[in-house]
């Protein structure tokens, strides 16, 4: 059986880069006193404040009760609040508070520095091309049919 050289397999490389960036970010974010789950929630709310709890659980790929406990801890810190949706009082929307701003500034600075270090040696055009390629790949994957039978 001929073996594929996985050192050049973009799926493995992409996974490794993502894992290394997450673990490096985790180590740096511990200075602020955040777990990965907590900074991931805050980052998604920073990106799209006012998400419905169910949407946030889906995005984070965690169960709703797990997210609820996580939100309880962040709410106890004063970093977010949950409010009933104006259109459906059973639905809760999650918002960042002003109290989280110093932590978010630190997280954004840590993230920017890490991205800069990860892209060291690439010029601006190469960096933009890399992002364009990743967006293209993401779009392709999001447009795949759900029940696609793998071609073997």
N, C-alpha and C. Protein backbone atom coordinates (compact mmCIF):
# COMPACT_ATOMS: atom_id res chain seq x y z
N UNK A 1 0.84 -1.18 0.00
CA UNK A 1 0.00 0.00 0.00
C UNK A 1 0.89 1.24 0.00
N UNK A 2 0.62 2.13 -0.94
CA UNK A 2 1.37 3.38 -1.01
C UNK A 2 0.80 4.35 0.02
N UNK A 3 1.68 4.96 0.79
CA UNK A 3 1.25 5.88 1.84
C UNK A 3 1.35 7.33 1.37
N UNK A 4 0.33 8.08 1.73
CA UNK A 4 0.31 9.51 1.41
C UNK A 4 1.26 10.23 2.36
N UNK A 5 1.98 11.23 1.84
CA UNK A 5 2.84 12.04 2.68
C UNK A 5 1.97 13.05 3.42
N UNK A 6 1.67 12.76 4.69
CA UNK A 6 0.78 13.62 5.47
C UNK A 6 1.45 14.92 5.90
N UNK A 7 2.77 15.00 5.74
CA UNK A 7 3.46 16.25 6.05
C UNK A 7 3.06 17.36 5.09
N UNK A 8 2.53 17.01 3.92
CA UNK A 8 2.11 17.99 2.92
C UNK A 8 0.59 17.98 2.73
N UNK A 9 -0.14 17.29 3.60
CA UNK A 9 -1.59 17.21 3.51
C UNK A 9 -2.18 18.47 4.16
N UNK A 10 -2.87 19.30 3.36
CA UNK A 10 -3.31 20.59 3.89
C UNK A 10 -4.31 20.43 5.04
N UNK A 11 -5.08 19.35 5.05
CA UNK A 11 -6.03 19.13 6.15
C UNK A 11 -5.31 18.94 7.48
N UNK A 12 -4.26 18.14 7.46
CA UNK A 12 -3.47 17.94 8.67
C UNK A 12 -2.75 19.23 9.07
N UNK A 13 -2.21 19.92 8.09
CA UNK A 13 -1.49 21.16 8.38
C UNK A 13 -2.45 22.20 8.97
N UNK A 14 -3.63 22.34 8.35
CA UNK A 14 -4.62 23.29 8.83
C UNK A 14 -5.04 22.97 10.26
N UNK A 15 -5.26 21.69 10.53
CA UNK A 15 -5.63 21.27 11.88
C UNK A 15 -4.50 21.57 12.87
N UNK A 16 -3.28 21.27 12.49
CA UNK A 16 -2.13 21.53 13.37
C UNK A 16 -1.97 23.02 13.65
N UNK A 17 -2.08 23.84 12.62
CA UNK A 17 -1.95 25.29 12.79
C UNK A 17 -3.03 25.79 13.74
N UNK A 18 -4.26 25.34 13.55
CA UNK A 18 -5.37 25.75 14.40
C UNK A 18 -5.14 25.33 15.85
N UNK A 19 -4.72 24.09 16.05
CA UNK A 19 -4.47 23.57 17.40
C UNK A 19 -3.35 24.34 18.08
N UNK A 20 -2.26 24.58 17.37
CA UNK A 20 -1.11 25.30 17.95
C UNK A 20 -1.50 26.74 18.29
N UNK A 21 -2.26 27.37 17.41
CA UNK A 21 -2.70 28.74 17.70
C UNK A 21 -3.60 28.77 18.93
N UNK A 22 -4.54 27.80 19.04
CA UNK A 22 -5.43 27.76 20.21
C UNK A 22 -4.66 27.55 21.50
N UNK A 23 -3.74 26.58 21.50
CA UNK A 23 -3.01 26.30 22.74
C UNK A 23 -2.09 27.45 23.12
N UNK A 24 -1.48 28.10 22.13
CA UNK A 24 -0.64 29.26 22.41
C UNK A 24 -1.50 30.40 22.96
N UNK A 25 -2.65 30.62 22.34
CA UNK A 25 -3.56 31.66 22.82
C UNK A 25 -4.03 31.33 24.23
N UNK A 26 -4.35 30.06 24.49
CA UNK A 26 -4.77 29.64 25.84
C UNK A 26 -3.74 30.04 26.88
N UNK A 27 -2.48 29.72 26.61
CA UNK A 27 -1.41 30.04 27.57
C UNK A 27 -1.34 31.55 27.81
N UNK A 28 -1.47 32.31 26.76
CA UNK A 28 -1.37 33.77 26.89
C UNK A 28 -2.62 34.37 27.55
N UNK A 29 -3.79 33.78 27.31
CA UNK A 29 -5.05 34.30 27.87
C UNK A 29 -5.19 33.96 29.35
N UNK A 30 -4.43 32.99 29.83
CA UNK A 30 -4.51 32.64 31.26
C UNK A 30 -4.12 33.81 32.14
N UNK A 31 -3.31 34.73 31.60
CA UNK A 31 -2.91 35.93 32.34
C UNK A 31 -4.16 36.72 32.75
N UNK A 32 -5.18 36.69 31.91
CA UNK A 32 -6.42 37.41 32.18
C UNK A 32 -7.33 36.58 33.09
N UNK A 33 -7.02 35.30 33.24
CA UNK A 33 -7.83 34.43 34.09
C UNK A 33 -9.01 33.81 33.37
N UNK A 34 -8.86 33.58 32.07
CA UNK A 34 -9.94 33.00 31.28
C UNK A 34 -9.61 31.58 30.83
N UNK A 35 -10.62 30.75 30.79
CA UNK A 35 -10.47 29.43 30.18
C UNK A 35 -10.74 29.56 28.68
N UNK A 36 -10.39 28.53 27.92
CA UNK A 36 -10.65 28.55 26.48
C UNK A 36 -12.14 28.72 26.21
N UNK A 37 -12.96 28.00 26.94
CA UNK A 37 -14.41 28.10 26.73
C UNK A 37 -14.90 29.51 26.97
N UNK A 38 -14.39 30.15 28.02
CA UNK A 38 -14.82 31.51 28.32
C UNK A 38 -14.38 32.49 27.25
N UNK A 39 -13.11 32.44 26.85
CA UNK A 39 -12.69 33.41 25.83
C UNK A 39 -13.35 33.13 24.50
N UNK A 40 -13.70 31.87 24.24
CA UNK A 40 -14.37 31.54 22.98
C UNK A 40 -15.77 32.15 22.96
N UNK A 41 -16.49 32.07 24.08
CA UNK A 41 -17.81 32.70 24.18
C UNK A 41 -17.69 34.20 23.98
N UNK A 42 -16.77 34.82 24.71
CA UNK A 42 -16.60 36.27 24.62
C UNK A 42 -16.23 36.70 23.21
N UNK A 43 -15.37 35.94 22.55
CA UNK A 43 -14.96 36.28 21.19
C UNK A 43 -16.12 36.20 20.21
N UNK A 44 -16.96 35.18 20.36
CA UNK A 44 -18.11 35.07 19.46
C UNK A 44 -19.12 36.18 19.71
N UNK A 45 -19.28 36.57 20.97
CA UNK A 45 -20.18 37.69 21.26
C UNK A 45 -19.58 39.01 20.79
N UNK A 46 -18.28 39.13 20.85
CA UNK A 46 -17.59 40.32 20.33
C UNK A 46 -17.85 40.43 18.83
N UNK A 47 -17.84 39.28 18.18
CA UNK A 47 -18.07 39.22 16.74
C UNK A 47 -19.53 39.52 16.39
N UNK A 48 -20.45 38.93 17.19
CA UNK A 48 -21.90 39.09 16.95
C UNK A 48 -22.62 39.20 18.28
N UNK A 49 -22.59 40.37 18.87
CA UNK A 49 -23.24 40.61 20.15
C UNK A 49 -24.75 40.44 20.01
N UNK A 50 -25.38 39.89 21.03
CA UNK A 50 -26.82 39.72 21.00
C UNK A 50 -27.28 38.40 20.42
N UNK A 51 -26.38 37.44 20.32
CA UNK A 51 -26.77 36.12 19.82
C UNK A 51 -27.80 35.48 20.74
N UNK A 52 -28.66 34.67 20.18
CA UNK A 52 -29.58 33.85 20.96
C UNK A 52 -28.75 32.71 21.58
N UNK A 53 -29.06 32.35 22.84
CA UNK A 53 -28.30 31.31 23.52
C UNK A 53 -28.20 30.03 22.69
N UNK A 54 -29.29 29.62 22.07
CA UNK A 54 -29.29 28.40 21.27
C UNK A 54 -28.33 28.52 20.08
N UNK A 55 -28.30 29.69 19.44
CA UNK A 55 -27.37 29.91 18.32
C UNK A 55 -25.93 29.83 18.80
N UNK A 56 -25.67 30.43 19.95
CA UNK A 56 -24.33 30.43 20.50
C UNK A 56 -23.88 29.01 20.83
N UNK A 57 -24.76 28.20 21.40
CA UNK A 57 -24.43 26.81 21.70
C UNK A 57 -24.11 26.05 20.41
N UNK A 58 -24.87 26.30 19.37
CA UNK A 58 -24.63 25.64 18.08
C UNK A 58 -23.29 26.06 17.48
N UNK A 59 -23.01 27.35 17.51
CA UNK A 59 -21.74 27.87 16.97
C UNK A 59 -20.55 27.26 17.71
N UNK A 60 -20.68 27.19 19.04
CA UNK A 60 -19.59 26.67 19.87
C UNK A 60 -19.53 25.15 19.89
N UNK A 61 -20.58 24.52 19.33
CA UNK A 61 -20.69 23.06 19.30
C UNK A 61 -20.64 22.46 20.70
N UNK A 62 -21.45 23.08 21.59
CA UNK A 62 -21.59 22.55 22.94
C UNK A 62 -23.08 22.43 23.28
N UNK A 63 -23.38 21.61 24.26
CA UNK A 63 -24.77 21.42 24.69
C UNK A 63 -25.28 22.68 25.39
N UNK A 64 -26.57 22.92 25.29
CA UNK A 64 -27.16 24.11 25.90
C UNK A 64 -26.94 24.20 27.41
N UNK A 65 -27.09 23.09 28.16
CA UNK A 65 -26.83 23.19 29.61
C UNK A 65 -25.38 23.57 29.92
N UNK A 66 -24.44 23.06 29.12
CA UNK A 66 -23.03 23.40 29.30
C UNK A 66 -22.83 24.89 29.06
N UNK A 67 -23.42 25.40 27.99
CA UNK A 67 -23.33 26.83 27.71
C UNK A 67 -23.97 27.64 28.82
N UNK A 68 -25.11 27.17 29.33
CA UNK A 68 -25.79 27.89 30.40
C UNK A 68 -24.89 28.07 31.62
N UNK A 69 -24.18 27.02 32.01
CA UNK A 69 -23.26 27.11 33.16
C UNK A 69 -22.11 28.07 32.86
N UNK A 70 -21.62 28.02 31.65
CA UNK A 70 -20.54 28.91 31.23
C UNK A 70 -21.00 30.37 31.27
N UNK A 71 -22.20 30.62 30.76
CA UNK A 71 -22.76 31.97 30.78
C UNK A 71 -23.00 32.44 32.22
N UNK A 72 -23.43 31.51 33.09
CA UNK A 72 -23.62 31.87 34.50
C UNK A 72 -22.33 32.41 35.10
N UNK A 73 -21.21 31.74 34.82
CA UNK A 73 -19.91 32.18 35.37
C UNK A 73 -19.50 33.54 34.81
N UNK A 74 -19.69 33.74 33.51
CA UNK A 74 -19.33 35.02 32.90
C UNK A 74 -20.26 36.13 33.35
N UNK A 75 -21.53 35.80 33.57
CA UNK A 75 -22.48 36.78 34.06
C UNK A 75 -22.14 37.17 35.50
N UNK A 76 -21.69 36.20 36.30
CA UNK A 76 -21.29 36.48 37.69
C UNK A 76 -20.09 37.43 37.73
N UNK A 77 -19.23 37.38 36.71
CA UNK A 77 -18.10 38.31 36.62
C UNK A 77 -18.55 39.69 36.15
N UNK A 78 -19.79 39.78 35.69
CA UNK A 78 -20.30 41.05 35.18
C UNK A 78 -19.92 41.31 33.74
N UNK A 79 -19.50 40.27 33.02
CA UNK A 79 -19.00 40.45 31.67
C UNK A 79 -20.06 40.29 30.59
N UNK A 80 -21.18 39.72 30.94
CA UNK A 80 -22.27 39.61 29.96
C UNK A 80 -23.59 39.63 30.70
N UNK A 81 -24.64 39.83 29.91
CA UNK A 81 -25.99 39.81 30.45
C UNK A 81 -26.88 39.06 29.46
N UNK A 82 -27.92 38.44 29.99
CA UNK A 82 -28.92 37.76 29.17
C UNK A 82 -30.23 38.51 29.29
N UNK A 83 -30.84 38.72 28.13
CA UNK A 83 -32.11 39.45 28.10
C UNK A 83 -33.11 38.67 27.26
N UNK A 84 -34.38 38.75 27.62
CA UNK A 84 -35.41 38.10 26.79
C UNK A 84 -35.45 38.74 25.40
N UNK A 85 -35.67 37.92 24.40
CA UNK A 85 -35.82 38.41 23.03
C UNK A 85 -37.14 39.18 22.95
N UNK A 86 -37.14 40.36 22.33
CA UNK A 86 -38.38 41.14 22.24
C UNK A 86 -39.51 40.41 21.51
N UNK A 87 -39.16 39.54 20.57
CA UNK A 87 -40.17 38.83 19.79
C UNK A 87 -40.64 37.53 20.42
N UNK A 88 -39.84 36.99 21.34
CA UNK A 88 -40.19 35.71 21.97
C UNK A 88 -39.56 35.68 23.36
N UNK A 89 -40.35 35.91 24.38
CA UNK A 89 -39.85 36.04 25.75
C UNK A 89 -39.19 34.76 26.26
N UNK A 90 -39.44 33.61 25.61
CA UNK A 90 -38.80 32.35 26.03
C UNK A 90 -37.34 32.29 25.60
N UNK A 91 -37.00 33.08 24.58
CA UNK A 91 -35.66 33.08 24.00
C UNK A 91 -34.82 34.12 24.71
N UNK A 92 -33.57 33.74 25.05
CA UNK A 92 -32.65 34.68 25.70
C UNK A 92 -31.56 35.09 24.71
N UNK A 93 -31.28 36.38 24.66
CA UNK A 93 -30.17 36.91 23.88
C UNK A 93 -29.04 37.25 24.84
N UNK A 94 -27.81 37.10 24.36
CA UNK A 94 -26.64 37.31 25.22
C UNK A 94 -25.86 38.50 24.70
N UNK A 95 -25.53 39.41 25.61
CA UNK A 95 -24.83 40.65 25.27
C UNK A 95 -23.61 40.83 26.17
N UNK A 96 -22.55 41.38 25.60
CA UNK A 96 -21.39 41.77 26.39
C UNK A 96 -21.74 43.03 27.16
N UNK A 97 -21.11 43.20 28.33
CA UNK A 97 -21.30 44.42 29.12
C UNK A 97 -20.06 45.30 28.99
N UNK A 98 -20.17 46.52 29.46
CA UNK A 98 -19.02 47.42 29.44
C UNK A 98 -17.89 46.93 30.33
N UNK A 99 -18.24 46.16 31.38
CA UNK A 99 -17.22 45.67 32.31
C UNK A 99 -16.22 44.71 31.67
N UNK A 100 -16.59 44.10 30.54
CA UNK A 100 -15.70 43.14 29.89
C UNK A 100 -14.69 43.84 28.98
N UNK A 101 -14.88 45.13 28.76
CA UNK A 101 -14.04 45.85 27.79
C UNK A 101 -12.53 45.70 28.04
N UNK A 102 -12.03 45.85 29.29
CA UNK A 102 -10.58 45.67 29.50
C UNK A 102 -10.11 44.26 29.13
N UNK A 103 -10.89 43.25 29.50
CA UNK A 103 -10.52 41.87 29.15
C UNK A 103 -10.55 41.67 27.64
N UNK A 104 -11.56 42.23 26.96
CA UNK A 104 -11.65 42.09 25.51
C UNK A 104 -10.49 42.79 24.82
N UNK A 105 -10.10 43.95 25.32
CA UNK A 105 -8.95 44.64 24.73
C UNK A 105 -7.70 43.79 24.87
N UNK A 106 -7.53 43.17 26.02
CA UNK A 106 -6.37 42.28 26.22
C UNK A 106 -6.44 41.08 25.30
N UNK A 107 -7.62 40.47 25.19
CA UNK A 107 -7.78 39.30 24.30
C UNK A 107 -7.49 39.68 22.85
N UNK A 108 -8.01 40.81 22.40
CA UNK A 108 -7.80 41.24 21.02
C UNK A 108 -6.32 41.52 20.77
N UNK A 109 -5.63 42.10 21.77
CA UNK A 109 -4.20 42.39 21.63
C UNK A 109 -3.40 41.07 21.56
N UNK A 110 -3.75 40.13 22.42
CA UNK A 110 -3.09 38.82 22.40
C UNK A 110 -3.31 38.15 21.04
N UNK A 111 -4.54 38.20 20.54
CA UNK A 111 -4.87 37.58 19.25
C UNK A 111 -4.11 38.25 18.11
N UNK A 112 -4.06 39.57 18.12
CA UNK A 112 -3.36 40.30 17.05
C UNK A 112 -1.86 39.97 17.06
N UNK A 113 -1.27 39.92 18.24
CA UNK A 113 0.15 39.57 18.33
C UNK A 113 0.41 38.15 17.85
N UNK A 114 -0.46 37.23 18.22
CA UNK A 114 -0.29 35.84 17.79
C UNK A 114 -0.43 35.71 16.28
N UNK A 115 -1.42 36.39 15.71
CA UNK A 115 -1.56 36.35 14.25
C UNK A 115 -0.33 36.92 13.57
N UNK A 116 0.17 38.02 14.10
CA UNK A 116 1.37 38.65 13.54
C UNK A 116 2.55 37.66 13.57
N UNK A 117 2.72 37.00 14.70
CA UNK A 117 3.82 36.03 14.85
C UNK A 117 3.63 34.83 13.92
N UNK A 118 2.38 34.37 13.78
CA UNK A 118 2.10 33.22 12.92
C UNK A 118 2.36 33.54 11.45
N UNK A 119 2.15 34.79 11.06
CA UNK A 119 2.31 35.20 9.66
C UNK A 119 3.67 35.83 9.36
N UNK A 120 4.55 35.77 10.35
CA UNK A 120 5.90 36.34 10.19
C UNK A 120 6.54 35.80 8.91
N UNK A 121 7.14 36.69 8.13
CA UNK A 121 7.81 36.29 6.91
C UNK A 121 6.95 36.35 5.67
N UNK A 122 5.64 36.59 5.84
CA UNK A 122 4.75 36.74 4.69
C UNK A 122 4.49 38.23 4.48
N UNK A 123 4.55 38.66 3.22
CA UNK A 123 4.25 40.06 2.95
C UNK A 123 2.73 40.27 2.94
N UNK A 124 2.32 41.51 2.85
CA UNK A 124 0.89 41.85 2.92
C UNK A 124 0.08 41.15 1.84
N UNK A 125 0.60 41.09 0.63
CA UNK A 125 -0.11 40.43 -0.48
C UNK A 125 -0.29 38.94 -0.19
N UNK A 126 0.76 38.30 0.33
CA UNK A 126 0.67 36.87 0.67
C UNK A 126 -0.33 36.63 1.80
N UNK A 127 -0.36 37.52 2.77
CA UNK A 127 -1.30 37.40 3.89
C UNK A 127 -2.74 37.51 3.39
N UNK A 128 -2.98 38.49 2.53
CA UNK A 128 -4.33 38.67 1.98
C UNK A 128 -4.73 37.47 1.13
N UNK A 129 -3.80 36.95 0.35
CA UNK A 129 -4.09 35.78 -0.49
C UNK A 129 -4.42 34.57 0.38
N UNK A 130 -3.68 34.39 1.46
CA UNK A 130 -3.95 33.27 2.39
C UNK A 130 -5.37 33.38 2.95
N UNK A 131 -5.75 34.56 3.39
CA UNK A 131 -7.09 34.77 3.94
C UNK A 131 -8.14 34.51 2.86
N UNK A 132 -7.90 35.01 1.65
CA UNK A 132 -8.83 34.77 0.54
C UNK A 132 -9.01 33.27 0.27
N UNK A 133 -7.92 32.55 0.29
CA UNK A 133 -7.97 31.10 0.05
C UNK A 133 -8.77 30.40 1.15
N UNK A 134 -8.52 30.77 2.40
CA UNK A 134 -9.24 30.15 3.51
C UNK A 134 -10.74 30.48 3.44
N UNK A 135 -11.09 31.70 3.08
CA UNK A 135 -12.50 32.07 2.93
C UNK A 135 -13.13 31.27 1.80
N UNK A 136 -12.39 31.10 0.72
CA UNK A 136 -12.89 30.31 -0.41
C UNK A 136 -13.15 28.86 0.03
N UNK A 137 -12.20 28.29 0.75
CA UNK A 137 -12.36 26.91 1.24
C UNK A 137 -13.57 26.81 2.17
N UNK A 138 -13.72 27.77 3.06
CA UNK A 138 -14.84 27.77 4.00
C UNK A 138 -16.17 27.82 3.24
N UNK A 139 -16.23 28.68 2.24
CA UNK A 139 -17.44 28.79 1.42
C UNK A 139 -17.74 27.47 0.72
N UNK A 140 -16.72 26.87 0.12
CA UNK A 140 -16.91 25.57 -0.54
C UNK A 140 -17.48 24.54 0.43
N UNK A 141 -16.91 24.48 1.63
CA UNK A 141 -17.35 23.49 2.61
C UNK A 141 -18.76 23.77 3.11
N UNK A 142 -19.09 25.04 3.30
CA UNK A 142 -20.45 25.39 3.75
C UNK A 142 -21.49 25.10 2.69
N UNK A 143 -21.08 25.08 1.43
CA UNK A 143 -22.01 24.83 0.33
C UNK A 143 -22.12 23.36 -0.06
N UNK A 144 -21.41 22.49 0.65
CA UNK A 144 -21.53 21.06 0.35
C UNK A 144 -22.91 20.56 0.74
N UNK A 145 -23.47 19.64 -0.04
CA UNK A 145 -24.76 19.07 0.35
C UNK A 145 -24.61 18.29 1.66
N UNK A 146 -25.64 18.34 2.49
CA UNK A 146 -25.59 17.69 3.80
C UNK A 146 -25.46 16.18 3.66
N UNK A 147 -26.17 15.59 2.74
CA UNK A 147 -26.19 14.12 2.60
C UNK A 147 -25.29 13.63 1.49
N UNK A 148 -24.23 14.35 1.21
CA UNK A 148 -23.31 13.97 0.13
C UNK A 148 -22.65 12.64 0.47
N UNK A 149 -22.77 11.71 -0.43
CA UNK A 149 -22.10 10.42 -0.26
C UNK A 149 -20.65 10.59 -0.70
N UNK A 150 -19.74 10.26 0.16
CA UNK A 150 -18.32 10.43 -0.13
C UNK A 150 -17.94 9.62 -1.36
N UNK A 151 -17.15 10.26 -2.21
CA UNK A 151 -16.68 9.59 -3.42
C UNK A 151 -15.49 8.72 -3.05
N UNK A 152 -15.64 7.44 -3.20
CA UNK A 152 -14.54 6.52 -2.86
C UNK A 152 -14.06 5.76 -4.05
